Every structure is written in structure tokens, then in C-alpha cells.
Amino acid sequence: MSRLHDAARTDARTIGVSVIMSAALRHRLSGGADGPRRYALPVGARLADLLAVIGIDAATDLTAAVDGGLAERTTLLRDGAEVLLFAPMEGGAEAEGEATIG
């Protein structure tokens, strides 16, 4: 399970996914460069597997989307999937004790 460098895969037992992380999440990880990153995973990998490869602890609170839809850690990934990862935001009306629309 290694990072792809935008090279064509030759191993039919792997898939390639593109990952975009929010700035807050990138800063928590070492080497958090801007822009999408590509990762190679085994066929049948789920979002939890990708998070482990990236180095995101299983207990980390985050929101994920795969190909534009909200995703759970059990979501199966496909070759060419686009994964968006966001850390929760702090602050705002709720943090100040004010009512929010719910």
C-alpha cells in the first residue's frame, strides 16, 4: 500500500483513489501538502483502510465523502474514486451557547 505518483498502475489487484483533505486535517498530519494525493489500495478496500494508510487514527472525528456522497468508514472504494476528508469545525453560535437551527 504505497502512494501513487500519478503513474499508471500495472497491478490489477490494486485500485487508485484521489484524496483531498481540509486544511485543518492536513495540518494534523505530517507532510500535509496542498492538493489532491493519490493512494494505491488493494481491491476491496474500504474508507477505514484508506484512513489507516494515510495515518488517520480510527478514533479521529471527521466527515468523509466518496464521489460526492457522504461516506462511512465501511464504504467500499472503487478504482478512480475521489475522497474528500474534513475535520469538524470549532466555534460558531453553538460554541457560544446560542441556539442553532436543528
PDB file of N, CA and C in Angstrom:
ATOM      1  N   MET A   1       0.833  -1.167   0.000  1.00  0.00           N
ATOM      2  CA  MET A   1       0.000   0.000   0.000  1.00  0.00           C
ATOM      3  C   MET A   1       0.884   1.238   0.000  1.00  0.00           C
ATOM      4  N   SER A   2       1.145   1.749  -1.152  1.00  0.00           N
ATOM      5  CA  SER A   2       2.002   2.910  -1.235  1.00  0.00           C
ATOM      6  C   SER A   2       1.299   4.013  -2.001  1.00  0.00           C
ATOM      7  N   ARG A   3       1.836   5.177  -1.873  1.00  0.00           N
ATOM      8  CA  ARG A   3       1.281   6.328  -2.558  1.00  0.00           C
ATOM      9  C   ARG A   3       1.630   6.272  -4.031  1.00  0.00           C
ATOM     10  N   LEU A   4       0.676   6.573  -4.889  1.00  0.00           N
ATOM     11  CA  LEU A   4       0.932   6.635  -6.321  1.00  0.00           C
ATOM     12  C   LEU A   4       1.520   7.989  -6.671  1.00  0.00           C
ATOM     13  N   HIS A   5       2.296   8.028  -7.677  1.00  0.00           N
ATOM     14  CA  HIS A   5       2.848   9.290  -8.160  1.00  0.00           C
ATOM     15  C   HIS A   5       2.286   9.576  -9.548  1.00  0.00           C
ATOM     16  N   ASP A   6       0.960   9.506  -9.658  1.00  0.00           N
ATOM     17  CA  ASP A   6       0.242   9.731 -10.909  1.00  0.00           C
ATOM     18  C   ASP A   6       0.762   8.856 -12.042  1.00  0.00           C
ATOM     19  N   ALA A   7       1.297   7.724 -11.702  1.00  0.00           N
ATOM     20  CA  ALA A   7       1.763   6.778 -12.711  1.00  0.00           C
ATOM     21  C   ALA A   7       0.668   5.747 -12.946  1.00  0.00           C
ATOM     22  N   ALA A   8       0.655   5.178 -14.107  1.00  0.00           N
ATOM     23  CA  ALA A   8      -0.331   4.145 -14.417  1.00  0.00           C
ATOM     24  C   ALA A   8      -0.051   2.908 -13.574  1.00  0.00           C
ATOM     25  N   ARG A   9      -1.110   2.337 -13.036  1.00  0.00           N
ATOM     26  CA  ARG A   9      -0.948   1.114 -12.251  1.00  0.00           C
ATOM     27  C   ARG A   9      -0.798  -0.075 -13.193  1.00  0.00           C
ATOM     28  N   THR A  10       0.039  -0.990 -12.786  1.00  0.00           N
ATOM     29  CA  THR A  10       0.206  -2.197 -13.587  1.00  0.00           C
ATOM     30  C   THR A  10      -0.315  -3.418 -12.849  1.00  0.00           C
ATOM     31  N   ASP A  11      -0.640  -3.271 -11.576  1.00  0.00           N
ATOM     32  CA  ASP A  11      -1.117  -4.379 -10.765  1.00  0.00           C
ATOM     33  C   ASP A  11      -2.639  -4.358 -10.733  1.00  0.00           C
ATOM     34  N   ALA A  12      -3.284  -5.361 -11.306  1.00  0.00           N
ATOM     35  CA  ALA A  12      -4.739  -5.411 -11.399  1.00  0.00           C
ATOM     36  C   ALA A  12      -5.386  -5.675 -10.052  1.00  0.00           C
ATOM     37  N   ARG A  13      -4.600  -5.970  -9.019  1.00  0.00           N
ATOM     38  CA  ARG A  13      -5.163  -6.236  -7.698  1.00  0.00           C
ATOM     39  C   ARG A  13      -5.218  -4.990  -6.826  1.00  0.00           C
ATOM     40  N   THR A  14      -4.941  -3.823  -7.399  1.00  0.00           N
ATOM     41  CA  THR A  14      -4.997  -2.581  -6.637  1.00  0.00           C
ATOM     42  C   THR A  14      -5.937  -1.593  -7.306  1.00  0.00           C
ATOM     43  N   ILE A  15      -6.378  -0.629  -6.523  1.00  0.00           N
ATOM     44  CA  ILE A  15      -7.165   0.480  -7.037  1.00  0.00           C
ATOM     45  C   ILE A  15      -6.442   1.757  -6.673  1.00  0.00           C
ATOM     46  N   GLY A  16      -6.714   2.818  -7.394  1.00  0.00           N
ATOM     47  CA  GLY A  16      -6.146   4.127  -7.093  1.00  0.00           C
ATOM     48  C   GLY A  16      -7.262   5.086  -6.727  1.00  0.00           C
ATOM     49  N   VAL A  17      -7.071   5.825  -5.644  1.00  0.00           N
ATOM     50  CA  VAL A  17      -8.059   6.809  -5.228  1.00  0.00           C
ATOM     51  C   VAL A  17      -7.366   8.154  -5.039  1.00  0.00           C
ATOM     52  N   SER A  18      -8.119   9.218  -5.269  1.00  0.00           N
ATOM     53  CA  SER A  18      -7.628  10.579  -5.086  1.00  0.00           C
ATOM     54  C   SER A  18      -8.227  11.124  -3.802  1.00  0.00           C
ATOM     55  N   VAL A  19      -7.398  11.736  -2.962  1.00  0.00           N
ATOM     56  CA  VAL A  19      -7.846  12.213  -1.653  1.00  0.00           C
ATOM     57  C   VAL A  19      -7.569  13.710  -1.533  1.00  0.00           C
ATOM     58  N   ILE A  20      -8.607  14.443  -1.150  1.00  0.00           N
ATOM     59  CA  ILE A  20      -8.492  15.869  -0.859  1.00  0.00           C
ATOM     60  C   ILE A  20      -8.880  16.051   0.601  1.00  0.00           C
ATOM     61  N   MET A  21      -8.003  16.705   1.378  1.00  0.00           N
ATOM     62  CA  MET A  21      -8.249  16.912   2.803  1.00  0.00           C
ATOM     63  C   MET A  21      -8.428  18.403   3.093  1.00  0.00           C
ATOM     64  N   SER A  22      -9.270  18.701   4.073  1.00  0.00           N
ATOM     65  CA  SER A  22      -9.408  20.079   4.526  1.00  0.00           C
ATOM     66  C   SER A  22      -8.079  20.530   5.129  1.00  0.00           C
ATOM     67  N   ALA A  23      -7.864  21.836   5.148  1.00  0.00           N
ATOM     68  CA  ALA A  23      -6.618  22.376   5.689  1.00  0.00           C
ATOM     69  C   ALA A  23      -6.421  21.964   7.144  1.00  0.00           C
ATOM     70  N   ALA A  24      -7.502  21.971   7.922  1.00  0.00           N
ATOM     71  CA  ALA A  24      -7.391  21.607   9.339  1.00  0.00           C
ATOM     72  C   ALA A  24      -6.898  20.179   9.501  1.00  0.00           C
ATOM     73  N   LEU A  25      -7.352  19.284   8.651  1.00  0.00           N
ATOM     74  CA  LEU A  25      -6.927  17.885   8.734  1.00  0.00           C
ATOM     75  C   LEU A  25      -5.507  17.719   8.212  1.00  0.00           C
ATOM     76  N   ARG A  26      -5.165  18.411   7.132  1.00  0.00           N
ATOM     77  CA  ARG A  26      -3.799  18.334   6.589  1.00  0.00           C
ATOM     78  C   ARG A  26      -2.768  18.764   7.624  1.00  0.00           C
ATOM     79  N   HIS A  27      -3.088  19.805   8.397  1.00  0.00           N
ATOM     80  CA  HIS A  27      -2.139  20.317   9.382  1.00  0.00           C
ATOM     81  C   HIS A  27      -1.909  19.342  10.527  1.00  0.00           C
ATOM     82  N   ARG A  28      -2.860  18.446  10.777  1.00  0.00           N
ATOM     83  CA  ARG A  28      -2.694  17.435  11.828  1.00  0.00           C
ATOM     84  C   ARG A  28      -1.742  16.326  11.403  1.00  0.00           C
ATOM     85  N   LEU A  29      -1.580  16.155  10.096  1.00  0.00           N
ATOM     86  CA  LEU A  29      -0.744  15.071   9.569  1.00  0.00           C
ATOM     87  C   LEU A  29       0.611  15.614   9.155  1.00  0.00           C
ATOM     88  N   SER A  30       1.604  14.792   9.243  1.00  0.00           N
ATOM     89  CA  SER A  30       2.932  15.224   8.808  1.00  0.00           C
ATOM     90  C   SER A  30       2.973  15.306   7.289  1.00  0.00           C
ATOM     91  N   GLY A  31       3.660  16.304   6.788  1.00  0.00           N
ATOM     92  CA  GLY A  31       3.789  16.475   5.343  1.00  0.00           C
ATOM     93  C   GLY A  31       2.486  16.822   4.667  1.00  0.00           C
ATOM     94  N   GLY A  32       1.644  17.603   5.324  1.00  0.00           N
ATOM     95  CA  GLY A  32       0.321  17.937   4.798  1.00  0.00           C
ATOM     96  C   GLY A  32       0.358  18.940   3.664  1.00  0.00           C
ATOM     97  N   ALA A  33       0.766  18.512   2.488  1.00  0.00           N
ATOM     98  CA  ALA A  33       0.837  19.396   1.327  1.00  0.00           C
ATOM     99  C   ALA A  33      -0.553  19.652   0.753  1.00  0.00           C
ATOM    100  N   ASP A  34      -0.703  20.792   0.097  1.00  0.00           N
ATOM    101  CA  ASP A  34      -1.967  21.143  -0.556  1.00  0.00           C
ATOM    102  C   ASP A  34      -2.210  20.255  -1.770  1.00  0.00           C
ATOM    103  N   GLY A  35      -3.456  20.205  -2.178  1.00  0.00           N
ATOM    104  CA  GLY A  35      -3.822  19.497  -3.397  1.00  0.00           C
ATOM    105  C   GLY A  35      -4.139  18.037  -3.168  1.00  0.00           C
ATOM    106  N   PRO A  36      -4.718  17.433  -4.201  1.00  0.00           N
ATOM    107  CA  PRO A  36      -5.078  16.007  -4.086  1.00  0.00           C
ATOM    108  C   PRO A  36      -3.845  15.116  -3.994  1.00  0.00           C
ATOM    109  N   ARG A  37      -4.004  14.030  -3.279  1.00  0.00           N
ATOM    110  CA  ARG A  37      -2.964  12.998  -3.205  1.00  0.00           C
ATOM    111  C   ARG A  37      -3.575  11.709  -3.721  1.00  0.00           C
ATOM    112  N   ARG A  38      -2.759  10.887  -4.350  1.00  0.00           N
ATOM    113  CA  ARG A  38      -3.238   9.606  -4.866  1.00  0.00           C
ATOM    114  C   ARG A  38      -2.655   8.479  -4.027  1.00  0.00           C
ATOM    115  N   TYR A  39      -3.512   7.504  -3.753  1.00  0.00           N
ATOM    116  CA  TYR A  39      -3.106   6.345  -2.964  1.00  0.00           C
ATOM    117  C   TYR A  39      -3.505   5.076  -3.688  1.00  0.00           C
ATOM    118  N   ALA A  40      -2.683   4.046  -3.574  1.00  0.00           N
ATOM    119  CA  ALA A  40      -2.997   2.716  -4.098  1.00  0.00           C
ATOM    120  C   ALA A  40      -3.431   1.847  -2.923  1.00  0.00           C
ATOM    121  N   LEU A  41      -4.524   1.132  -3.132  1.00  0.00           N
ATOM    122  CA  LEU A  41      -5.082   0.251  -2.111  1.00  0.00           C
ATOM    123  C   LEU A  41      -5.443  -1.076  -2.750  1.00  0.00           C
ATOM    124  N   PRO A  42      -5.552  -2.119  -1.965  1.00  0.00           N
ATOM    125  CA  PRO A  42      -5.987  -3.394  -2.536  1.00  0.00           C
ATOM    126  C   PRO A  42      -7.455  -3.340  -2.950  1.00  0.00           C
ATOM    127  N   VAL A  43      -7.796  -4.101  -3.970  1.00  0.00           N
ATOM    128  CA  VAL A  43      -9.196  -4.217  -4.377  1.00  0.00           C
ATOM    129  C   VAL A  43     -10.004  -4.685  -3.163  1.00  0.00           C
ATOM    130  N   GLY A  44     -11.163  -4.089  -2.948  1.00  0.00           N
ATOM    131  CA  GLY A  44     -11.997  -4.434  -1.803  1.00  0.00           C
ATOM    132  C   GLY A  44     -11.748  -3.549  -0.593  1.00  0.00           C
ATOM    133  N   ALA A  45     -10.859  -2.558  -0.738  1.00  0.00           N
ATOM    134  CA  ALA A  45     -10.555  -1.660   0.385  1.00  0.00           C
ATOM    135  C   ALA A  45     -11.758  -0.780   0.696  1.00  0.00           C
ATOM    136  N   ARG A  46     -11.864  -0.458   1.959  1.00  0.00           N
ATOM    137  CA  ARG A  46     -12.930   0.419   2.449  1.00  0.00           C
ATOM    138  C   ARG A  46     -12.304   1.733   2.922  1.00  0.00           C
ATOM    139  N   LEU A  47     -13.143   2.703   3.209  1.00  0.00           N
ATOM    140  CA  LEU A  47     -12.656   4.004   3.659  1.00  0.00           C
ATOM    141  C   LEU A  47     -11.754   3.857   4.878  1.00  0.00           C
ATOM    142  N   ALA A  48     -12.093   2.989   5.814  1.00  0.00           N
ATOM    143  CA  ALA A  48     -11.261   2.772   7.014  1.00  0.00           C
ATOM    144  C   ALA A  48      -9.845   2.331   6.630  1.00  0.00           C
ATOM    145  N   ASP A  49      -9.726   1.518   5.585  1.00  0.00           N
ATOM    146  CA  ASP A  49      -8.404   1.073   5.134  1.00  0.00           C
ATOM    147  C   ASP A  49      -7.597   2.252   4.611  1.00  0.00           C
ATOM    148  N   LEU A  50      -8.254   3.124   3.853  1.00  0.00           N
ATOM    149  CA  LEU A  50      -7.581   4.308   3.330  1.00  0.00           C
ATOM    150  C   LEU A  50      -7.119   5.209   4.465  1.00  0.00           C
ATOM    151  N   LEU A  51      -7.975   5.429   5.449  1.00  0.00           N
ATOM    152  CA  LEU A  51      -7.608   6.283   6.582  1.00  0.00           C
ATOM    153  C   LEU A  51      -6.388   5.723   7.303  1.00  0.00           C
ATOM    154  N   ALA A  52      -6.312   4.416   7.445  1.00  0.00           N
ATOM    155  CA  ALA A  52      -5.154   3.788   8.095  1.00  0.00           C
ATOM    156  C   ALA A  52      -3.879   4.028   7.281  1.00  0.00           C
ATOM    157  N   VAL A  53      -3.971   3.922   5.966  1.00  0.00           N
ATOM    158  CA  VAL A  53      -2.806   4.151   5.103  1.00  0.00           C
ATOM    159  C   VAL A  53      -2.344   5.598   5.209  1.00  0.00           C
ATOM    160  N   ILE A  54      -3.293   6.522   5.266  1.00  0.00           N
ATOM    161  CA  ILE A  54      -2.955   7.941   5.373  1.00  0.00           C
ATOM    162  C   ILE A  54      -2.324   8.246   6.726  1.00  0.00           C
ATOM    163  N   GLY A  55      -2.722   7.487   7.747  1.00  0.00           N
ATOM    164  CA  GLY A  55      -2.205   7.720   9.090  1.00  0.00           C
ATOM    165  C   GLY A  55      -3.202   8.422   9.989  1.00  0.00           C
ATOM    166  N   ILE A  56      -4.486   8.322   9.646  1.00  0.00           N
ATOM    167  CA  ILE A  56      -5.542   8.925  10.450  1.00  0.00           C
ATOM    168  C   ILE A  56      -6.057   7.877  11.417  1.00  0.00           C
ATOM    169  N   ASP A  57      -5.946   8.171  12.716  1.00  0.00           N
ATOM    170  CA  ASP A  57      -6.368   7.253  13.767  1.00  0.00           C
ATOM    171  C   ASP A  57      -7.854   6.942  13.647  1.00  0.00           C
ATOM    172  N   ALA A  58      -8.220   5.717  13.973  1.00  0.00           N
ATOM    173  CA  ALA A  58      -9.616   5.271  13.875  1.00  0.00           C
ATOM    174  C   ALA A  58     -10.545   6.089  14.759  1.00  0.00           C
ATOM    175  N   ALA A  59     -10.031   6.700  15.819  1.00  0.00           N
ATOM    176  CA  ALA A  59     -10.862   7.482  16.731  1.00  0.00           C
ATOM    177  C   ALA A  59     -11.036   8.942  16.286  1.00  0.00           C
ATOM    178  N   THR A  60     -10.353   9.339  15.222  1.00  0.00           N
ATOM    179  CA  THR A  60     -10.430  10.720  14.749  1.00  0.00           C
ATOM    180  C   THR A  60     -11.831  11.042  14.247  1.00  0.00           C
ATOM    181  N   ASP A  61     -12.385  12.152  14.725  1.00  0.00           N
ATOM    182  CA  ASP A  61     -13.698  12.618  14.277  1.00  0.00           C
ATOM    183  C   ASP A  61     -13.514  13.354  12.951  1.00  0.00           C
ATOM    184  N   LEU A  62     -14.175  12.871  11.920  1.00  0.00           N
ATOM    185  CA  LEU A  62     -14.089  13.519  10.618  1.00  0.00           C
ATOM    186  C   LEU A  62     -15.343  13.235   9.810  1.00  0.00           C
ATOM    187  N   THR A  63     -15.529  14.027   8.766  1.00  0.00           N
ATOM    188  CA  THR A  63     -16.601  13.811   7.806  1.00  0.00           C
ATOM    189  C   THR A  63     -15.942  13.417   6.494  1.00  0.00           C
ATOM    190  N   ALA A  64     -16.502  12.406   5.838  1.00  0.00           N
ATOM    191  CA  ALA A  64     -15.924  11.926   4.589  1.00  0.00           C
ATOM    192  C   ALA A  64     -16.993  11.859   3.508  1.00  0.00           C
ATOM    193  N   ALA A  65     -16.561  12.125   2.298  1.00  0.00           N
ATOM    194  CA  ALA A  65     -17.426  11.965   1.131  1.00  0.00           C
ATOM    195  C   ALA A  65     -16.651  11.161   0.098  1.00  0.00           C
ATOM    196  N   VAL A  66     -17.334  10.250  -0.567  1.00  0.00           N
ATOM    197  CA  VAL A  66     -16.738   9.470  -1.648  1.00  0.00           C
ATOM    198  C   VAL A  66     -17.578   9.719  -2.890  1.00  0.00           C
ATOM    199  N   ASP A  67     -16.937  10.227  -3.924  1.00  0.00           N
ATOM    200  CA  ASP A  67     -17.612  10.536  -5.186  1.00  0.00           C
ATOM    201  C   ASP A  67     -18.855  11.403  -4.972  1.00  0.00           C
ATOM    202  N   GLY A  68     -18.745  12.371  -4.060  1.00  0.00           N
ATOM    203  CA  GLY A  68     -19.801  13.352  -3.862  1.00  0.00           C
ATOM    204  C   GLY A  68     -20.879  12.978  -2.865  1.00  0.00           C
ATOM    205  N   GLY A  69     -20.841  11.768  -2.311  1.00  0.00           N
ATOM    206  CA  GLY A  69     -21.842  11.351  -1.332  1.00  0.00           C
ATOM    207  C   GLY A  69     -21.206  11.102   0.018  1.00  0.00           C
ATOM    208  N   LEU A  70     -21.935  11.418   1.093  1.00  0.00           N
ATOM    209  CA  LEU A  70     -21.409  11.158   2.433  1.00  0.00           C
ATOM    210  C   LEU A  70     -21.055   9.686   2.573  1.00  0.00           C
ATOM    211  N   ALA A  71     -19.974   9.425   3.287  1.00  0.00           N
ATOM    212  CA  ALA A  71     -19.474   8.051   3.395  1.00  0.00           C
ATOM    213  C   ALA A  71     -19.185   7.691   4.838  1.00  0.00           C
ATOM    214  N   GLU A  72     -19.313   6.426   5.136  1.00  0.00           N
ATOM    215  CA  GLU A  72     -18.959   5.858   6.432  1.00  0.00           C
ATOM    216  C   GLU A  72     -17.616   5.155   6.284  1.00  0.00           C
ATOM    217  N   ARG A  73     -17.019   4.808   7.381  1.00  0.00           N
ATOM    218  CA  ARG A  73     -15.731   4.099   7.335  1.00  0.00           C
ATOM    219  C   ARG A  73     -15.852   2.736   6.659  1.00  0.00           C
ATOM    220  N   THR A  74     -17.058   2.210   6.577  1.00  0.00           N
ATOM    221  CA  THR A  74     -17.285   0.910   5.943  1.00  0.00           C
ATOM    222  C   THR A  74     -17.541   1.017   4.438  1.00  0.00           C
ATOM    223  N   THR A  75     -17.560   2.239   3.902  1.00  0.00           N
ATOM    224  CA  THR A  75     -17.835   2.442   2.482  1.00  0.00           C
ATOM    225  C   THR A  75     -16.756   1.797   1.624  1.00  0.00           C
ATOM    226  N   LEU A  76     -17.180   0.980   0.674  1.00  0.00           N
ATOM    227  CA  LEU A  76     -16.271   0.320  -0.266  1.00  0.00           C
ATOM    228  C   LEU A  76     -15.761   1.346  -1.276  1.00  0.00           C
ATOM    229  N   LEU A  77     -14.467   1.331  -1.539  1.00  0.00           N
ATOM    230  CA  LEU A  77     -13.872   2.257  -2.508  1.00  0.00           C
ATOM    231  C   LEU A  77     -13.719   1.574  -3.855  1.00  0.00           C
ATOM    232  N   ARG A  78     -13.814   2.358  -4.913  1.00  0.00           N
ATOM    233  CA  ARG A  78     -13.641   1.843  -6.271  1.00  0.00           C
ATOM    234  C   ARG A  78     -12.418   2.512  -6.906  1.00  0.00           C
ATOM    235  N   ASP A  79     -11.922   1.911  -7.952  1.00  0.00           N
ATOM    236  CA  ASP A  79     -10.800   2.488  -8.674  1.00  0.00           C
ATOM    237  C   ASP A  79     -11.225   3.846  -9.235  1.00  0.00           C
ATOM    238  N   GLY A  80     -10.416   4.864  -9.019  1.00  0.00           N
ATOM    239  CA  GLY A  80     -10.698   6.200  -9.523  1.00  0.00           C
ATOM    240  C   GLY A  80     -11.578   7.040  -8.611  1.00  0.00           C
ATOM    241  N   ALA A  81     -11.925   6.537  -7.434  1.00  0.00           N
ATOM    242  CA  ALA A  81     -12.795   7.276  -6.515  1.00  0.00           C
ATOM    243  C   ALA A  81     -12.124   8.571  -6.061  1.00  0.00           C
ATOM    244  N   GLU A  82     -12.961   9.583  -5.826  1.00  0.00           N
ATOM    245  CA  GLU A  82     -12.499  10.842  -5.247  1.00  0.00           C
ATOM    246  C   GLU A  82     -13.015  10.916  -3.819  1.00  0.00           C
ATOM    247  N   VAL A  83     -12.091  11.028  -2.873  1.00  0.00           N
ATOM    248  CA  VAL A  83     -12.428  11.029  -1.456  1.00  0.00           C
ATOM    249  C   VAL A  83     -12.123  12.407  -0.883  1.00  0.00           C
ATOM    250  N   LEU A  84     -13.106  12.991  -0.199  1.00  0.00           N
ATOM    251  CA  LEU A  84     -12.934  14.271   0.479  1.00  0.00           C
ATOM    252  C   LEU A  84     -12.996  14.013   1.981  1.00  0.00           C
ATOM    253  N   LEU A  85     -12.038  14.567   2.726  1.00  0.00           N
ATOM    254  CA  LEU A  85     -11.979  14.380   4.169  1.00  0.00           C
ATOM    255  C   LEU A  85     -11.957  15.740   4.851  1.00  0.00           C
ATOM    256  N   PHE A  86     -12.845  15.922   5.829  1.00  0.00           N
ATOM    257  CA  PHE A  86     -12.965  17.182   6.546  1.00  0.00           C
ATOM    258  C   PHE A  86     -12.939  16.944   8.049  1.00  0.00           C
ATOM    259  N   ALA A  87     -12.164  17.748   8.761  1.00  0.00           N
ATOM    260  CA  ALA A  87     -12.183  17.729  10.222  1.00  0.00           C
ATOM    261  C   ALA A  87     -13.326  18.632  10.675  1.00  0.00           C
ATOM    262  N   PRO A  88     -13.953  18.317  11.809  1.00  0.00           N
ATOM    263  CA  PRO A  88     -15.034  19.176  12.294  1.00  0.00           C
ATOM    264  C   PRO A  88     -14.515  20.574  12.604  1.00  0.00           C
ATOM    265  N   MET A  89     -15.366  21.548  12.399  1.00  0.00           N
ATOM    266  CA  MET A  89     -15.014  22.945  12.667  1.00  0.00           C
ATOM    267  C   MET A  89     -15.408  23.299  14.096  1.00  0.00           C
ATOM    268  N   GLU A  90     -14.650  24.167  14.713  1.00  0.00           N
ATOM    269  CA  GLU A  90     -14.972  24.641  16.055  1.00  0.00           C
ATOM    270  C   GLU A  90     -15.417  26.088  15.963  1.00  0.00           C
ATOM    271  N   GLY A  91     -16.197  26.502  16.962  1.00  0.00           N
ATOM    272  CA  GLY A  91     -16.648  27.889  17.008  1.00  0.00           C
ATOM    273  C   GLY A  91     -18.069  28.016  16.519  1.00  0.00           C
ATOM    274  N   GLY A  92     -18.485  29.238  16.258  1.00  0.00           N
ATOM    275  CA  GLY A  92     -19.832  29.477  15.764  1.00  0.00           C
ATOM    276  C   GLY A  92     -20.826  29.635  16.897  1.00  0.00           C
ATOM    277  N   ALA A  93     -22.092  29.731  16.553  1.00  0.00           N
ATOM    278  CA  ALA A  93     -23.151  30.017  17.518  1.00  0.00           C
ATOM    279  C   ALA A  93     -23.253  28.934  18.593  1.00  0.00           C
ATOM    280  N   GLU A  94     -23.139  27.667  18.204  1.00  0.00           N
ATOM    281  CA  GLU A  94     -23.272  26.584  19.171  1.00  0.00           C
ATOM    282  C   GLU A  94     -22.174  26.661  20.229  1.00  0.00           C
ATOM    283  N   ALA A  95     -20.977  27.004  19.819  1.00  0.00           N
ATOM    284  CA  ALA A  95     -19.871  27.091  20.761  1.00  0.00           C
ATOM    285  C   ALA A  95     -20.066  28.256  21.719  1.00  0.00           C
ATOM    286  N   GLU A  96     -20.790  29.269  21.298  1.00  0.00           N
ATOM    287  CA  GLU A  96     -21.046  30.435  22.137  1.00  0.00           C
ATOM    288  C   GLU A  96     -22.259  30.226  23.038  1.00  0.00           C
ATOM    289  N   GLY A  97     -22.919  29.080  22.945  1.00  0.00           N
ATOM    290  CA  GLY A  97     -24.076  28.798  23.784  1.00  0.00           C
ATOM    291  C   GLY A  97     -25.388  29.292  23.199  1.00  0.00           C
ATOM    292  N   GLU A  98     -25.380  29.747  21.956  1.00  0.00           N
ATOM    293  CA  GLU A  98     -26.592  30.241  21.312  1.00  0.00           C
ATOM    294  C   GLU A  98     -27.300  29.083  20.615  1.00  0.00           C
ATOM    295  N   ALA A  99     -28.585  29.239  20.421  1.00  0.00           N
ATOM    296  CA  ALA A  99     -29.371  28.218  19.727  1.00  0.00           C
ATOM    297  C   ALA A  99     -28.996  28.181  18.256  1.00  0.00           C
ATOM    298  N   THR A 100     -29.029  26.980  17.692  1.00  0.00           N
ATOM    299  CA  THR A 100     -28.786  26.816  16.268  1.00  0.00           C
ATOM    300  C   THR A 100     -29.991  26.156  15.639  1.00  0.00           C
ATOM    301  N   ILE A 101     -30.100  26.267  14.337  1.00  0.00           N
ATOM    302  CA  ILE A 101     -31.215  25.622  13.620  1.00  0.00           C
ATOM    303  C   ILE A 101     -30.929  24.142  13.597  1.00  0.00           C
ATOM    304  N   GLY A 102     -31.902  23.339  13.970  1.00  0.00           N
ATOM    305  CA  GLY A 102     -31.642  21.903  14.038  1.00  0.00           C
ATOM    306  C   GLY A 102     -32.761  21.073  13.643  1.00  0.00           C
TER     307      GLY A 102
END
